PDB file of N, CA and C in Angstrom:
ATOM      1  N   UNK A   1      25.583 -43.766-106.460  1.00  0.00           N
ATOM      2  CA  UNK A   1      24.572 -44.235-105.549  1.00  0.00           C
ATOM      3  C   UNK A   1      25.156 -44.837-104.275  1.00  0.00           C
ATOM      4  N   UNK A   2      26.435 -44.797-104.103  1.00  0.00           N
ATOM      5  CA  UNK A   2      27.056 -45.345-102.901  1.00  0.00           C
ATOM      6  C   UNK A   2      26.594 -44.609-101.656  1.00  0.00           C
ATOM      7  N   UNK A   3      26.401 -43.304-101.766  1.00  0.00           N
ATOM      8  CA  UNK A   3      25.961 -42.528-100.614  1.00  0.00           C
ATOM      9  C   UNK A   3      24.615 -43.010-100.101  1.00  0.00           C
ATOM     10  N   UNK A   4      23.713 -43.388-100.984  1.00  0.00           N
ATOM     11  CA  UNK A   4      22.395 -43.863-100.573  1.00  0.00           C
ATOM     12  C   UNK A   4      22.530 -45.144 -99.763  1.00  0.00           C
ATOM     13  N   UNK A   5      23.442 -46.001-100.118  1.00  0.00           N
ATOM     14  CA  UNK A   5      23.629 -47.263 -99.410  1.00  0.00           C
ATOM     15  C   UNK A   5      24.209 -47.047 -98.014  1.00  0.00           C
ATOM     16  N   UNK A   6      24.870 -45.928 -97.788  1.00  0.00           N
ATOM     17  CA  UNK A   6      25.512 -45.659 -96.511  1.00  0.00           C
ATOM     18  C   UNK A   6      24.723 -44.695 -95.633  1.00  0.00           C
ATOM     19  N   UNK A   7      23.428 -44.612 -95.836  1.00  0.00           N
ATOM     20  CA  UNK A   7      22.600 -43.701 -95.057  1.00  0.00           C
ATOM     21  C   UNK A   7      22.459 -44.199 -93.623  1.00  0.00           C
ATOM     22  N   UNK A   8      22.479 -43.252 -92.684  1.00  0.00           N
ATOM     23  CA  UNK A   8      22.226 -43.611 -91.291  1.00  0.00           C
ATOM     24  C   UNK A   8      20.738 -43.890 -91.124  1.00  0.00           C
ATOM     25  N   UNK A   9      20.372 -44.446 -90.005  1.00  0.00           N
ATOM     26  CA  UNK A   9      18.958 -44.732 -89.732  1.00  0.00           C
ATOM     27  C   UNK A   9      18.147 -43.441 -89.736  1.00  0.00           C
ATOM     28  N   UNK A  10      18.701 -42.381 -89.171  1.00  0.00           N
ATOM     29  CA  UNK A  10      17.985 -41.102 -89.143  1.00  0.00           C
ATOM     30  C   UNK A  10      17.813 -40.537 -90.550  1.00  0.00           C
ATOM     31  N   UNK A  11      18.842 -40.626 -91.369  1.00  0.00           N
ATOM     32  CA  UNK A  11      18.743 -40.166 -92.758  1.00  0.00           C
ATOM     33  C   UNK A  11      17.689 -40.957 -93.521  1.00  0.00           C
ATOM     34  N   UNK A  12      17.687 -42.259 -93.317  1.00  0.00           N
ATOM     35  CA  UNK A  12      16.726 -43.121 -94.007  1.00  0.00           C
ATOM     36  C   UNK A  12      15.299 -42.791 -93.585  1.00  0.00           C
ATOM     37  N   UNK A  13      15.077 -42.589 -92.284  1.00  0.00           N
ATOM     38  CA  UNK A  13      13.746 -42.243 -91.792  1.00  0.00           C
ATOM     39  C   UNK A  13      13.278 -40.923 -92.394  1.00  0.00           C
ATOM     40  N   UNK A  14      14.135 -39.934 -92.369  1.00  0.00           N
ATOM     41  CA  UNK A  14      13.774 -38.627 -92.916  1.00  0.00           C
ATOM     42  C   UNK A  14      13.529 -38.716 -94.422  1.00  0.00           C
ATOM     43  N   UNK A  15      14.370 -39.456 -95.121  1.00  0.00           N
ATOM     44  CA  UNK A  15      14.186 -39.633 -96.558  1.00  0.00           C
ATOM     45  C   UNK A  15      12.822 -40.264 -96.857  1.00  0.00           C
ATOM     46  N   UNK A  16      12.464 -41.276 -96.115  1.00  0.00           N
ATOM     47  CA  UNK A  16      11.178 -41.950 -96.338  1.00  0.00           C
ATOM     48  C   UNK A  16      10.004 -41.013 -96.062  1.00  0.00           C
ATOM     49  N   UNK A  17      10.148 -40.135 -95.087  1.00  0.00           N
ATOM     50  CA  UNK A  17       9.084 -39.172 -94.784  1.00  0.00           C
ATOM     51  C   UNK A  17       8.996 -38.084 -95.856  1.00  0.00           C
ATOM     52  N   UNK A  18      10.131 -37.729 -96.443  1.00  0.00           N
ATOM     53  CA  UNK A  18      10.161 -36.660 -97.445  1.00  0.00           C
ATOM     54  C   UNK A  18       9.808 -37.147 -98.845  1.00  0.00           C
ATOM     55  N   UNK A  19      10.050 -38.402 -99.117  1.00  0.00           N
ATOM     56  CA  UNK A  19       9.858 -38.928-100.468  1.00  0.00           C
ATOM     57  C   UNK A  19       8.471 -38.625-101.043  1.00  0.00           C
ATOM     58  N   UNK A  20       7.380 -38.831-100.302  1.00  0.00           N
ATOM     59  CA  UNK A  20       6.063 -38.506-100.875  1.00  0.00           C
ATOM     60  C   UNK A  20       5.914 -37.022-101.210  1.00  0.00           C
ATOM     61  N   UNK A  21       6.486 -36.152-100.388  1.00  0.00           N
ATOM     62  CA  UNK A  21       6.431 -34.715-100.676  1.00  0.00           C
ATOM     63  C   UNK A  21       7.159 -34.396-101.970  1.00  0.00           C
ATOM     64  N   UNK A  22       8.356 -34.972-102.123  1.00  0.00           N
ATOM     65  CA  UNK A  22       9.148 -34.724-103.328  1.00  0.00           C
ATOM     66  C   UNK A  22       8.458 -35.269-104.568  1.00  0.00           C
ATOM     67  N   UNK A  23       7.913 -36.465-104.454  1.00  0.00           N
ATOM     68  CA  UNK A  23       7.237 -37.067-105.603  1.00  0.00           C
ATOM     69  C   UNK A  23       6.005 -36.262-106.006  1.00  0.00           C
ATOM     70  N   UNK A  24       5.224 -35.857-105.025  1.00  0.00           N
ATOM     71  CA  UNK A  24       4.016 -35.078-105.307  1.00  0.00           C
ATOM     72  C   UNK A  24       4.372 -33.755-105.986  1.00  0.00           C
ATOM     73  N   UNK A  25       5.354 -33.062-105.430  1.00  0.00           N
ATOM     74  CA  UNK A  25       5.730 -31.781-106.022  1.00  0.00           C
ATOM     75  C   UNK A  25       6.408 -31.974-107.369  1.00  0.00           C
ATOM     76  N   UNK A  26       7.169 -33.043-107.525  1.00  0.00           N
ATOM     77  CA  UNK A  26       7.793 -33.335-108.808  1.00  0.00           C
ATOM     78  C   UNK A  26       6.754 -33.544-109.900  1.00  0.00           C
ATOM     79  N   UNK A  27       5.699 -34.235-109.571  1.00  0.00           N
ATOM     80  CA  UNK A  27       4.612 -34.439-110.538  1.00  0.00           C
ATOM     81  C   UNK A  27       3.938 -33.113-110.898  1.00  0.00           C
ATOM     82  N   UNK A  28       3.688 -32.279-109.884  1.00  0.00           N
ATOM     83  CA  UNK A  28       3.074 -30.969-110.141  1.00  0.00           C
ATOM     84  C   UNK A  28       3.950 -30.121-111.055  1.00  0.00           C
ATOM     85  N   UNK A  29       5.255 -30.114-110.759  1.00  0.00           N
ATOM     86  CA  UNK A  29       6.163 -29.308-111.583  1.00  0.00           C
ATOM     87  C   UNK A  29       6.252 -29.855-112.999  1.00  0.00           C
ATOM     88  N   UNK A  30       6.316 -31.164-113.129  1.00  0.00           N
ATOM     89  CA  UNK A  30       6.385 -31.767-114.464  1.00  0.00           C
ATOM     90  C   UNK A  30       5.148 -31.403-115.274  1.00  0.00           C
ATOM     91  N   UNK A  31       3.988 -31.481-114.638  1.00  0.00           N
ATOM     92  CA  UNK A  31       2.748 -31.142-115.323  1.00  0.00           C
ATOM     93  C   UNK A  31       2.741 -29.665-115.721  1.00  0.00           C
ATOM     94  N   UNK A  32       3.141 -28.804-114.801  1.00  0.00           N
ATOM     95  CA  UNK A  32       3.160 -27.368-115.087  1.00  0.00           C
ATOM     96  C   UNK A  32       4.154 -27.035-116.198  1.00  0.00           C
ATOM     97  N   UNK A  33       5.323 -27.641-116.159  1.00  0.00           N
ATOM     98  CA  UNK A  33       6.338 -27.356-117.171  1.00  0.00           C
ATOM     99  C   UNK A  33       5.941 -27.916-118.531  1.00  0.00           C
ATOM    100  N   UNK A  34       5.383 -29.111-118.538  1.00  0.00           N
ATOM    101  CA  UNK A  34       4.998 -29.733-119.804  1.00  0.00           C
ATOM    102  C   UNK A  34       3.852 -28.989-120.477  1.00  0.00           C
ATOM    103  N   UNK A  35       3.043 -28.305-119.692  1.00  0.00           N
ATOM    104  CA  UNK A  35       1.876 -27.613-120.258  1.00  0.00           C
ATOM    105  C   UNK A  35       2.213 -26.232-120.814  1.00  0.00           C
ATOM    106  N   UNK A  36       3.434 -25.780-120.603  1.00  0.00           N
ATOM    107  CA  UNK A  36       3.824 -24.447-121.070  1.00  0.00           C
ATOM    108  C   UNK A  36       4.417 -24.499-122.474  1.00  0.00           C
ATOM    109  N   UNK A  37       4.111 -23.482-123.235  1.00  0.00           N
ATOM    110  CA  UNK A  37       4.734 -23.321-124.550  1.00  0.00           C
ATOM    111  C   UNK A  37       6.196 -22.947-124.345  1.00  0.00           C
ATOM    112  N   UNK A  38       7.002 -23.158-125.362  1.00  0.00           N
ATOM    113  CA  UNK A  38       8.420 -22.814-125.265  1.00  0.00           C
ATOM    114  C   UNK A  38       8.621 -21.376-124.810  1.00  0.00           C
ATOM    115  N   UNK A  39       7.812 -20.488-125.317  1.00  0.00           N
ATOM    116  CA  UNK A  39       7.955 -19.067-124.989  1.00  0.00           C
ATOM    117  C   UNK A  39       7.524 -18.745-123.554  1.00  0.00           C
ATOM    118  N   UNK A  40       6.845 -19.683-122.893  1.00  0.00           N
ATOM    119  CA  UNK A  40       6.376 -19.466-121.525  1.00  0.00           C
ATOM    120  C   UNK A  40       7.232 -20.169-120.473  1.00  0.00           C
ATOM    121  N   UNK A  41       8.261 -20.879-120.906  1.00  0.00           N
ATOM    122  CA  UNK A  41       9.058 -21.672-119.978  1.00  0.00           C
ATOM    123  C   UNK A  41       9.749 -20.809-118.937  1.00  0.00           C
ATOM    124  N   UNK A  42      10.271 -19.681-119.362  1.00  0.00           N
ATOM    125  CA  UNK A  42      10.964 -18.775-118.441  1.00  0.00           C
ATOM    126  C   UNK A  42      10.069 -17.591-118.130  1.00  0.00           C
ATOM    127  N   UNK A  43      10.565 -16.669-117.351  1.00  0.00           N
ATOM    128  CA  UNK A  43       9.750 -15.524-116.959  1.00  0.00           C
ATOM    129  C   UNK A  43       8.904 -15.888-115.749  1.00  0.00           C
ATOM    130  N   UNK A  44       7.608 -15.617-115.821  1.00  0.00           N
ATOM    131  CA  UNK A  44       6.715 -15.858-114.685  1.00  0.00           C
ATOM    132  C   UNK A  44       6.727 -17.328-114.269  1.00  0.00           C
ATOM    133  N   UNK A  45       6.746 -18.236-115.227  1.00  0.00           N
ATOM    134  CA  UNK A  45       6.762 -19.663-114.918  1.00  0.00           C
ATOM    135  C   UNK A  45       8.033 -20.046-114.165  1.00  0.00           C
ATOM    136  N   UNK A  46       9.142 -19.459-114.552  1.00  0.00           N
ATOM    137  CA  UNK A  46      10.414 -19.725-113.875  1.00  0.00           C
ATOM    138  C   UNK A  46      10.310 -19.375-112.391  1.00  0.00           C
ATOM    139  N   UNK A  47       9.715 -18.254-112.081  1.00  0.00           N
ATOM    140  CA  UNK A  47       9.580 -17.829-110.688  1.00  0.00           C
ATOM    141  C   UNK A  47       8.586 -18.715-109.932  1.00  0.00           C
ATOM    142  N   UNK A  48       7.576 -19.200-110.614  1.00  0.00           N
ATOM    143  CA  UNK A  48       6.634 -20.117-109.980  1.00  0.00           C
ATOM    144  C   UNK A  48       7.343 -21.416-109.589  1.00  0.00           C
ATOM    145  N   UNK A  49       8.171 -21.929-110.487  1.00  0.00           N
ATOM    146  CA  UNK A  49       8.923 -23.157-110.184  1.00  0.00           C
ATOM    147  C   UNK A  49       9.877 -22.908-109.022  1.00  0.00           C
ATOM    148  N   UNK A  50      10.553 -21.787-109.024  1.00  0.00           N
ATOM    149  CA  UNK A  50      11.467 -21.465-107.920  1.00  0.00           C
ATOM    150  C   UNK A  50      10.718 -21.375-106.592  1.00  0.00           C
ATOM    151  N   UNK A  51       9.553 -20.767-106.612  1.00  0.00           N
ATOM    152  CA  UNK A  51       8.743 -20.673-105.394  1.00  0.00           C
ATOM    153  C   UNK A  51       8.349 -22.059-104.891  1.00  0.00           C
ATOM    154  N   UNK A  52       7.994 -22.935-105.810  1.00  0.00           N
ATOM    155  CA  UNK A  52       7.616 -24.297-105.418  1.00  0.00           C
ATOM    156  C   UNK A  52       8.794 -25.034-104.785  1.00  0.00           C
ATOM    157  N   UNK A  53       9.973 -24.871-105.359  1.00  0.00           N
ATOM    158  CA  UNK A  53      11.160 -25.518-104.806  1.00  0.00           C
ATOM    159  C   UNK A  53      11.468 -24.946-103.422  1.00  0.00           C
ATOM    160  N   UNK A  54      11.323 -23.652-103.277  1.00  0.00           N
ATOM    161  CA  UNK A  54      11.542 -23.001-101.981  1.00  0.00           C
ATOM    162  C   UNK A  54      10.550 -23.549-100.947  1.00  0.00           C
ATOM    163  N   UNK A  55       9.286 -23.646-101.309  1.00  0.00           N
ATOM    164  CA  UNK A  55       8.272 -24.192-100.407  1.00  0.00           C
ATOM    165  C   UNK A  55       8.583 -25.641-100.033  1.00  0.00           C
ATOM    166  N   UNK A  56       9.055 -26.401-100.990  1.00  0.00           N
ATOM    167  CA  UNK A  56       9.410 -27.793-100.728  1.00  0.00           C
ATOM    168  C   UNK A  56      10.559 -27.868 -99.714  1.00  0.00           C
ATOM    169  N   UNK A  57      11.533 -26.996 -99.865  1.00  0.00           N
ATOM    170  CA  UNK A  57      12.637 -26.949 -98.907  1.00  0.00           C
ATOM    171  C   UNK A  57      12.155 -26.591 -97.509  1.00  0.00           C
ATOM    172  N   UNK A  58      11.225 -25.661 -97.424  1.00  0.00           N
ATOM    173  CA  UNK A  58      10.665 -25.275 -96.128  1.00  0.00           C
ATOM    174  C   UNK A  58       9.915 -26.450 -95.496  1.00  0.00           C
ATOM    175  N   UNK A  59       9.189 -27.197 -96.310  1.00  0.00           N
ATOM    176  CA  UNK A  59       8.471 -28.370 -95.795  1.00  0.00           C
ATOM    177  C   UNK A  59       9.450 -29.442 -95.323  1.00  0.00           C
ATOM    178  N   UNK A  60      10.571 -29.592 -96.021  1.00  0.00           N
ATOM    179  CA  UNK A  60      11.593 -30.564 -95.617  1.00  0.00           C
ATOM    180  C   UNK A  60      12.202 -30.162 -94.272  1.00  0.00           C
ATOM    181  N   UNK A  61      12.497 -28.879 -94.103  1.00  0.00           N
ATOM    182  CA  UNK A  61      13.036 -28.407 -92.826  1.00  0.00           C
ATOM    183  C   UNK A  61      12.032 -28.613 -91.696  1.00  0.00           C
ATOM    184  N   UNK A  62      10.769 -28.364 -91.972  1.00  0.00           N
ATOM    185  CA  UNK A  62       9.728 -28.558 -90.973  1.00  0.00           C
ATOM    186  C   UNK A  62       9.649 -30.027 -90.565  1.00  0.00           C
ATOM    187  N   UNK A  63       9.717 -30.912 -91.527  1.00  0.00           N
ATOM    188  CA  UNK A  63       9.664 -32.352 -91.230  1.00  0.00           C
ATOM    189  C   UNK A  63      10.871 -32.774 -90.402  1.00  0.00           C
ATOM    190  N   UNK A  64      12.046 -32.271 -90.749  1.00  0.00           N
ATOM    191  CA  UNK A  64      13.251 -32.604 -89.980  1.00  0.00           C
ATOM    192  C   UNK A  64      13.137 -32.100 -88.546  1.00  0.00           C
ATOM    193  N   UNK A  65      12.628 -30.889 -88.376  1.00  0.00           N
ATOM    194  CA  UNK A  65      12.455 -30.336 -87.035  1.00  0.00           C
ATOM    195  C   UNK A  65      11.431 -31.140 -86.243  1.00  0.00           C
ATOM    196  N   UNK A  66      10.346 -31.556 -86.894  1.00  0.00           N
ATOM    197  CA  UNK A  66       9.327 -32.360 -86.216  1.00  0.00           C
ATOM    198  C   UNK A  66       9.902 -33.682 -85.735  1.00  0.00           C
ATOM    199  N   UNK A  67      10.713 -34.326 -86.566  1.00  0.00           N
ATOM    200  CA  UNK A  67      11.324 -35.597 -86.175  1.00  0.00           C
ATOM    201  C   UNK A  67      12.259 -35.398 -84.980  1.00  0.00           C
ATOM    202  N   UNK A  68      13.017 -34.331 -84.994  1.00  0.00           N
ATOM    203  CA  UNK A  68      13.926 -34.068 -83.869  1.00  0.00           C
ATOM    204  C   UNK A  68      13.146 -33.733 -82.606  1.00  0.00           C
ATOM    205  N   UNK A  69      12.041 -33.026 -82.772  1.00  0.00           N
ATOM    206  CA  UNK A  69      11.213 -32.684 -81.614  1.00  0.00           C
ATOM    207  C   UNK A  69      10.637 -33.954 -80.978  1.00  0.00           C
ATOM    208  N   UNK A  70      10.237 -34.905 -81.809  1.00  0.00           N
ATOM    209  CA  UNK A  70       9.715 -36.171 -81.301  1.00  0.00           C
ATOM    210  C   UNK A  70      10.756 -36.881 -80.436  1.00  0.00           C
ATOM    211  N   UNK A  71      12.019 -36.672 -80.783  1.00  0.00           N
ATOM    212  CA  UNK A  71      13.119 -37.327 -80.047  1.00  0.00           C
ATOM    213  C   UNK A  71      13.643 -36.460 -78.908  1.00  0.00           C
ATOM    214  N   UNK A  72      13.016 -35.298 -78.716  1.00  0.00           N
ATOM    215  CA  UNK A  72      13.438 -34.394 -77.645  1.00  0.00           C
ATOM    216  C   UNK A  72      14.725 -33.659 -77.934  1.00  0.00           C
ATOM    217  N   UNK A  73      15.076 -33.526 -79.200  1.00  0.00           N
ATOM    218  CA  UNK A  73      16.324 -32.857 -79.567  1.00  0.00           C
ATOM    219  C   UNK A  73      16.114 -31.403 -79.926  1.00  0.00           C
ATOM    220  N   UNK A  74      14.867 -30.949 -80.061  1.00  0.00           N
ATOM    221  CA  UNK A  74      14.596 -29.543 -80.411  1.00  0.00           C
ATOM    222  C   UNK A  74      13.745 -28.949 -79.324  1.00  0.00           C
TER     223      UNK A  74
END
C-alpha cells in the first residue's frame, strides 16, 4: 500500500472520480457471478464479465481525458 500513500494530486483526483464507477461495477459483477451456477461461471458469463471490465476501462480513459481537457491539456 505504499504506492497509494505516494499518489500525486492528479492521481488522487482521478482515483476519487473513478472510485464510484469501480465500486458500482464491482457490485454488479459480484451479483452476476454469485448468481451463476458452477457450470455457468465460464463460457458466456466469462465473456460478459470481460466485456464489463473492458467497458469500465473505456469509462476510466474517458474520465482521464475529461480531466485533462478541463485543464487544457487535451
